[in-house]
PDB file of N, CA and C in Angstrom:
ATOM      1  N   UNK A   1       0.848  -1.173   0.000  1.00  0.00           N
ATOM      2  CA  UNK A   1       0.000   0.000   0.000  1.00  0.00           C
ATOM      3  C   UNK A   1       0.891   1.232   0.000  1.00  0.00           C
ATOM      4  N   UNK A   2       0.479   2.228  -0.712  1.00  0.00           N
ATOM      5  CA  UNK A   2       1.208   3.495  -0.802  1.00  0.00           C
ATOM      6  C   UNK A   2       0.295   4.605  -0.276  1.00  0.00           C
ATOM      7  N   UNK A   3       0.791   5.392   0.662  1.00  0.00           N
ATOM      8  CA  UNK A   3       0.003   6.507   1.211  1.00  0.00           C
ATOM      9  C   UNK A   3       0.541   7.817   0.644  1.00  0.00           C
ATOM     10  N   UNK A   4      -0.380   8.708   0.312  1.00  0.00           N
ATOM     11  CA  UNK A   4       0.017  10.035  -0.160  1.00  0.00           C
ATOM     12  C   UNK A   4      -1.030  11.052   0.260  1.00  0.00           C
ATOM     13  N   UNK A   5      -0.606  12.297   0.340  1.00  0.00           N
ATOM     14  CA  UNK A   5      -1.509  13.406   0.667  1.00  0.00           C
ATOM     15  C   UNK A   5      -2.288  13.776  -0.591  1.00  0.00           C
ATOM     16  N   UNK A   6      -3.576  13.964  -0.460  1.00  0.00           N
ATOM     17  CA  UNK A   6      -4.416  14.339  -1.598  1.00  0.00           C
ATOM     18  C   UNK A   6      -3.989  15.702  -2.151  1.00  0.00           C
ATOM     19  N   UNK A   7      -4.093  15.847  -3.455  1.00  0.00           N
ATOM     20  CA  UNK A   7      -3.844  17.145  -4.072  1.00  0.00           C
ATOM     21  C   UNK A   7      -4.973  18.100  -3.663  1.00  0.00           C
ATOM     22  N   UNK A   8      -4.792  19.370  -3.957  1.00  0.00           N
ATOM     23  CA  UNK A   8      -5.817  20.371  -3.620  1.00  0.00           C
ATOM     24  C   UNK A   8      -7.150  20.034  -4.308  1.00  0.00           C
ATOM     25  N   UNK A   9      -7.102  19.611  -5.553  1.00  0.00           N
ATOM     26  CA  UNK A   9      -8.331  19.263  -6.279  1.00  0.00           C
ATOM     27  C   UNK A   9      -8.999  18.020  -5.678  1.00  0.00           C
ATOM     28  N   UNK A  10      -8.190  17.014  -5.344  1.00  0.00           N
ATOM     29  CA  UNK A  10      -8.744  15.806  -4.731  1.00  0.00           C
ATOM     30  C   UNK A  10      -9.369  16.127  -3.386  1.00  0.00           C
ATOM     31  N   UNK A  11      -8.665  16.955  -2.593  1.00  0.00           N
ATOM     32  CA  UNK A  11      -9.187  17.318  -1.271  1.00  0.00           C
ATOM     33  C   UNK A  11     -10.504  18.078  -1.395  1.00  0.00           C
ATOM     34  N   UNK A  12     -10.564  18.998  -2.360  1.00  0.00           N
ATOM     35  CA  UNK A  12     -11.796  19.773  -2.565  1.00  0.00           C
ATOM     36  C   UNK A  12     -12.978  18.866  -2.884  1.00  0.00           C
ATOM     37  N   UNK A  13     -12.727  17.763  -3.566  1.00  0.00           N
ATOM     38  CA  UNK A  13     -13.792  16.820  -3.921  1.00  0.00           C
ATOM     39  C   UNK A  13     -14.117  15.878  -2.769  1.00  0.00           C
ATOM     40  N   UNK A  14     -13.092  15.431  -2.029  1.00  0.00           N
ATOM     41  CA  UNK A  14     -13.278  14.407  -1.004  1.00  0.00           C
ATOM     42  C   UNK A  14     -13.681  14.980   0.357  1.00  0.00           C
ATOM     43  N   UNK A  15     -13.170  16.154   0.712  1.00  0.00           N
ATOM     44  CA  UNK A  15     -13.412  16.705   2.055  1.00  0.00           C
ATOM     45  C   UNK A  15     -14.900  16.812   2.392  1.00  0.00           C
ATOM     46  N   UNK A  16     -15.752  17.305   1.496  1.00  0.00           N
ATOM     47  CA  UNK A  16     -17.190  17.361   1.829  1.00  0.00           C
ATOM     48  C   UNK A  16     -17.796  15.984   2.112  1.00  0.00           C
ATOM     49  N   UNK A  17     -17.304  14.951   1.462  1.00  0.00           N
ATOM     50  CA  UNK A  17     -17.799  13.592   1.725  1.00  0.00           C
ATOM     51  C   UNK A  17     -17.387  13.133   3.118  1.00  0.00           C
ATOM     52  N   UNK A  18     -16.159  13.464   3.504  1.00  0.00           N
ATOM     53  CA  UNK A  18     -15.662  13.089   4.831  1.00  0.00           C
ATOM     54  C   UNK A  18     -16.460  13.804   5.913  1.00  0.00           C
ATOM     55  N   UNK A  19     -16.623  15.113   5.772  1.00  0.00           N
ATOM     56  CA  UNK A  19     -17.302  15.881   6.817  1.00  0.00           C
ATOM     57  C   UNK A  19     -18.802  15.599   6.880  1.00  0.00           C
ATOM     58  N   UNK A  20     -19.385  15.158   5.784  1.00  0.00           N
ATOM     59  CA  UNK A  20     -20.802  14.775   5.818  1.00  0.00           C
ATOM     60  C   UNK A  20     -21.003  13.511   6.652  1.00  0.00           C
ATOM     61  N   UNK A  21     -20.032  12.642   6.607  1.00  0.00           N
ATOM     62  CA  UNK A  21     -20.150  11.378   7.345  1.00  0.00           C
ATOM     63  C   UNK A  21     -19.580  11.469   8.760  1.00  0.00           C
ATOM     64  N   UNK A  22     -18.497  12.213   8.908  1.00  0.00           N
ATOM     65  CA  UNK A  22     -17.812  12.336  10.197  1.00  0.00           C
ATOM     66  C   UNK A  22     -17.782  13.818  10.577  1.00  0.00           C
ATOM     67  N   UNK A  23     -18.844  14.293  11.167  1.00  0.00           N
ATOM     68  CA  UNK A  23     -19.034  15.722  11.424  1.00  0.00           C
ATOM     69  C   UNK A  23     -17.974  16.335  12.341  1.00  0.00           C
ATOM     70  N   UNK A  24     -17.359  15.542  13.197  1.00  0.00           N
ATOM     71  CA  UNK A  24     -16.336  16.086  14.093  1.00  0.00           C
ATOM     72  C   UNK A  24     -15.134  16.652  13.334  1.00  0.00           C
ATOM     73  N   UNK A  25     -14.855  16.115  12.148  1.00  0.00           N
ATOM     74  CA  UNK A  25     -13.730  16.627  11.373  1.00  0.00           C
ATOM     75  C   UNK A  25     -13.961  18.077  10.963  1.00  0.00           C
ATOM     76  N   UNK A  26     -15.173  18.423  10.576  1.00  0.00           N
ATOM     77  CA  UNK A  26     -15.472  19.799  10.182  1.00  0.00           C
ATOM     78  C   UNK A  26     -15.273  20.741  11.365  1.00  0.00           C
ATOM     79  N   UNK A  27     -15.736  20.338  12.534  1.00  0.00           N
ATOM     80  CA  UNK A  27     -15.551  21.167  13.724  1.00  0.00           C
ATOM     81  C   UNK A  27     -14.093  21.321  14.090  1.00  0.00           C
ATOM     82  N   UNK A  28     -13.329  20.242  13.982  1.00  0.00           N
ATOM     83  CA  UNK A  28     -11.897  20.312  14.284  1.00  0.00           C
ATOM     84  C   UNK A  28     -11.198  21.230  13.294  1.00  0.00           C
ATOM     85  N   UNK A  29     -11.561  21.141  12.014  1.00  0.00           N
ATOM     86  CA  UNK A  29     -10.948  22.000  11.003  1.00  0.00           C
ATOM     87  C   UNK A  29     -11.209  23.472  11.320  1.00  0.00           C
ATOM     88  N   UNK A  30     -12.388  23.788  11.812  1.00  0.00           N
ATOM     89  CA  UNK A  30     -12.721  25.170  12.153  1.00  0.00           C
ATOM     90  C   UNK A  30     -11.917  25.680  13.345  1.00  0.00           C
ATOM     91  N   UNK A  31     -11.517  24.782  14.241  1.00  0.00           N
ATOM     92  CA  UNK A  31     -10.805  25.187  15.456  1.00  0.00           C
ATOM     93  C   UNK A  31      -9.292  25.240  15.303  1.00  0.00           C
ATOM     94  N   UNK A  32      -8.775  24.825  14.163  1.00  0.00           N
ATOM     95  CA  UNK A  32      -7.327  24.829  13.971  1.00  0.00           C
ATOM     96  C   UNK A  32      -6.957  25.733  12.801  1.00  0.00           C
ATOM     97  N   UNK A  33      -5.753  26.243  12.831  1.00  0.00           N
ATOM     98  CA  UNK A  33      -5.311  27.129  11.749  1.00  0.00           C
ATOM     99  C   UNK A  33      -4.687  26.348  10.594  1.00  0.00           C
ATOM    100  N   UNK A  34      -4.342  25.090  10.828  1.00  0.00           N
ATOM    101  CA  UNK A  34      -3.725  24.304   9.757  1.00  0.00           C
ATOM    102  C   UNK A  34      -4.794  23.561   8.968  1.00  0.00           C
ATOM    103  N   UNK A  35      -4.484  23.235   7.734  1.00  0.00           N
ATOM    104  CA  UNK A  35      -5.416  22.435   6.940  1.00  0.00           C
ATOM    105  C   UNK A  35      -5.170  20.967   7.263  1.00  0.00           C
ATOM    106  N   UNK A  36      -6.224  20.268   7.648  1.00  0.00           N
ATOM    107  CA  UNK A  36      -6.098  18.850   7.941  1.00  0.00           C
ATOM    108  C   UNK A  36      -5.835  18.095   6.637  1.00  0.00           C
ATOM    109  N   UNK A  37      -4.825  17.254   6.624  1.00  0.00           N
ATOM    110  CA  UNK A  37      -4.527  16.527   5.383  1.00  0.00           C
ATOM    111  C   UNK A  37      -5.520  15.393   5.151  1.00  0.00           C
ATOM    112  N   UNK A  38      -5.758  15.114   3.901  1.00  0.00           N
ATOM    113  CA  UNK A  38      -6.515  13.938   3.502  1.00  0.00           C
ATOM    114  C   UNK A  38      -5.485  12.973   2.921  1.00  0.00           C
ATOM    115  N   UNK A  39      -5.362  11.823   3.544  1.00  0.00           N
ATOM    116  CA  UNK A  39      -4.376  10.829   3.111  1.00  0.00           C
ATOM    117  C   UNK A  39      -5.084   9.762   2.293  1.00  0.00           C
ATOM    118  N   UNK A  40      -4.561   9.523   1.115  1.00  0.00           N
ATOM    119  CA  UNK A  40      -5.121   8.519   0.221  1.00  0.00           C
ATOM    120  C   UNK A  40      -4.225   7.288   0.224  1.00  0.00           C
ATOM    121  N   UNK A  41      -4.836   6.120   0.268  1.00  0.00           N
ATOM    122  CA  UNK A  41      -4.107   4.856   0.187  1.00  0.00           C
ATOM    123  C   UNK A  41      -4.331   4.258  -1.186  1.00  0.00           C
ATOM    124  N   UNK A  42      -3.231   3.884  -1.817  1.00  0.00           N
ATOM    125  CA  UNK A  42      -3.308   3.320  -3.156  1.00  0.00           C
ATOM    126  C   UNK A  42      -2.560   1.997  -3.193  1.00  0.00           C
ATOM    127  N   UNK A  43      -3.062   1.046  -3.964  1.00  0.00           N
ATOM    128  CA  UNK A  43      -2.337  -0.220  -4.085  1.00  0.00           C
ATOM    129  C   UNK A  43      -1.018   0.020  -4.815  1.00  0.00           C
ATOM    130  N   UNK A  44      -0.037  -0.806  -4.576  1.00  0.00           N
ATOM    131  CA  UNK A  44       1.239  -0.635  -5.283  1.00  0.00           C
ATOM    132  C   UNK A  44       1.074  -0.897  -6.777  1.00  0.00           C
ATOM    133  N   UNK A  45       1.922  -0.272  -7.553  1.00  0.00           N
ATOM    134  CA  UNK A  45       1.908  -0.499  -8.994  1.00  0.00           C
ATOM    135  C   UNK A  45       2.399  -1.924  -9.274  1.00  0.00           C
ATOM    136  N   UNK A  46       1.938  -2.536 -10.336  1.00  0.00           N
ATOM    137  CA  UNK A  46       2.425  -3.886 -10.671  1.00  0.00           C
ATOM    138  C   UNK A  46       3.949  -3.881 -10.749  1.00  0.00           C
ATOM    139  N   UNK A  47       4.572  -4.837 -10.110  1.00  0.00           N
ATOM    140  CA  UNK A  47       6.018  -4.947 -10.123  1.00  0.00           C
ATOM    141  C   UNK A  47       6.713  -4.119  -9.077  1.00  0.00           C
ATOM    142  N   UNK A  48       5.944  -3.321  -8.300  1.00  0.00           N
ATOM    143  CA  UNK A  48       6.524  -2.509  -7.226  1.00  0.00           C
ATOM    144  C   UNK A  48       6.843  -3.419  -6.059  1.00  0.00           C
ATOM    145  N   UNK A  49       8.045  -3.347  -5.533  1.00  0.00           N
ATOM    146  CA  UNK A  49       8.489  -4.270  -4.485  1.00  0.00           C
ATOM    147  C   UNK A  49       8.118  -3.817  -3.077  1.00  0.00           C
ATOM    148  N   UNK A  50       7.262  -2.850  -2.921  1.00  0.00           N
ATOM    149  CA  UNK A  50       6.896  -2.368  -1.583  1.00  0.00           C
ATOM    150  C   UNK A  50       6.100  -3.354  -0.826  1.00  0.00           C
TER     151      UNK A  50
END
C-alpha cells in the first residue's frame, strides 16, 4: 500500500464527503489554523516491491 496526501483538487472533492459522514472533522478544522490533510491509500503499482 502506498500513502500520499491528496492534491488540492482531490481534497476539494473528497473533504465534503468526509465531513458529511464524520461531522467532528469539520468542527476540528474550524478550530485549527492548519489544513487537515486527507491521506489517500493506493495499491502498489504492478512490479513494485513495496
